[in-house]
Amino acid sequence: MNLAATETMATGPMAVIVPILYIIAFGLFIYGLSGLTGPRTAVRGNLIAAVGMGLAVVATLLLVQTNWILIIVGLVVGTVLGVPAARNVKMTQMPQMVALFNGVGGGAVALIAWAEFRATDGFVDTALYVVIASMFAAIVGSISFWGSLIAFGKLQEMLPGRPIGLGRAQQPINMGLLALAVVAAVVAGLGGAGEIWVIAVLVLAAVVGVLVVLPIGGADMPVVISLLNAMTGLSAAAAGLALDNTAMIVAGMIVGASGSILTNQMAVAMNRTIPAIVAGGFGGTASLPGADDGVERTVRSTSESDAAIQMAYASQVIVVPGYGMAVAQAQHAVKDMAKLLESKGVEVKYAIHPVAGRMPGHMNVLLAEADVPYDALKEMDDINGEFSRTDVTLVIGANDVTNPAARNDPSSAIYGMPILNVDESRNVIVLKRSMGSGFAGIDNPLFYGQNTSMLFGDAKKSVAGVTEGLKAL
């Protein structure tokens, strides 16, 4: 039986009920997505979208006549694996989970394309649009799955975060493998071809996914996650077209469109093009600050009590969170410190760089978890003009997004990337474990500025120490 024919099996009342359920589901998808624009409505929006997906699944199951035991087993296995993983994951590991779950979606789409090939006896007497959509889903889904696994490995530090590539040969090899995958897809789609051809499609696309993500360094990882998410959505929409399943088409296009828009916004935030990011080679090196330029640099250290005094007598304090805050799980400590400062009449704001952390919106998610007011979270363009009027800026584990070399040094690898203008503040306090470099692997002149003090140590303990100092004043 052709899988593409499943939707035509709706007869009688089902022919009316199923479209109605789909329409309701689509409305819930869109309404739920609109709720994800802010922390206050995000949980509700997520639940609404989940209800919509549940309705779409029910509607789809009403269309088919299949082995219900396999479906039930699949639901049980997925629930047993997915629910504990989602509930127990730490906020610091959220980027890894997003990459992994997104990859699973792409892998499922690739397997659906393979199943469609088998169900039609190698696309014999199959409409051309079904063949094209299936092979597109196979290629993009496989790239997304294996690329997401590599992203997961880098984020989990199972693989080196630095770029791993083949130099100048990287892009010609990638393009050659992709071309071979397309050729194999054409042969598989001619009708009656052996199954080895569709397997070749999946394998070649898998190698492309691995080789595309391996050369991409940690600094670009938020953009990569967003791009892979968009690819999974587009592959799901293509699979929906092949299966004549309206729910997959709509859901896939929503994910693909939103992911594409977000990817573009993230790329703009780094002043980099998406092709340049896919080309790789940026971020994740392990060079030591100032190790090879022969210039001696000194930093000024401070203590928790001195930092508390500085902030207690400030009119405005801006907090700049980075991945170091996520690693230390310091968001709740930061909220407690800010609450105490505000009780002393100090205005506290949070400056959020679009690519801070390791996934889109990483800092927003962490601070929202700590119930930081959404109005206090300021985007880069809105907050940059205020640094020059700020008494103290507290940088918590942020590095590249505060590096003035991006603005002042044409020879810098991140030159041209929009940054938070932290160095314009009257005083800067940087919380870091050490003088190690960030994802881009380059030195940060901010740390050596005359208005900068370094508070070394675990961010959570340091913030807690500052809070105790504030209480003593």
Foldseek 3Di string as FASTA:
>chain_A
DQLLCLQVQQDDVLVVVLVVLLVLLLVLLVQLVVQCPALVRNVVSVVSNVVSVVSLVVSSVVRHDDDVVVVVVVVVVCCVPPPVCVVPDALLLVVLVLLQVLLVLLVVLLVLLLVSCVVCLLQAVHDPLLLVLSLLSNLLSLLLNLLSVVLSCCSVVVDAQAFDADPPCLVVVLVVLQVQLVVLSVQSNPGNDDSVSSVSNSVSSNVSSNSQNRQAHQLCQQLVSLQSQLSSLSSQLSSCVSSVRPNSVSRSVVRNVVSVVLSVVVCVLLVHDPVVNSVHRFFRDFAAEPPPPPDDFDFAADALLVVLVQLLPWQEEEEEEASLCSVLLQLLLVVLLCVLSVVSNHHYAYEYRQRGYRHGCSVSVSNSVNVDDRVRYDYQVRCQVCQLVTREYEYRPDAPQAACCLDVPPVDPSNVNHHRPNLNHQAYEYEEQDQTHGGRRYHGCSRRDPRYHYHHDRRNVSSNSNSVSNVVD
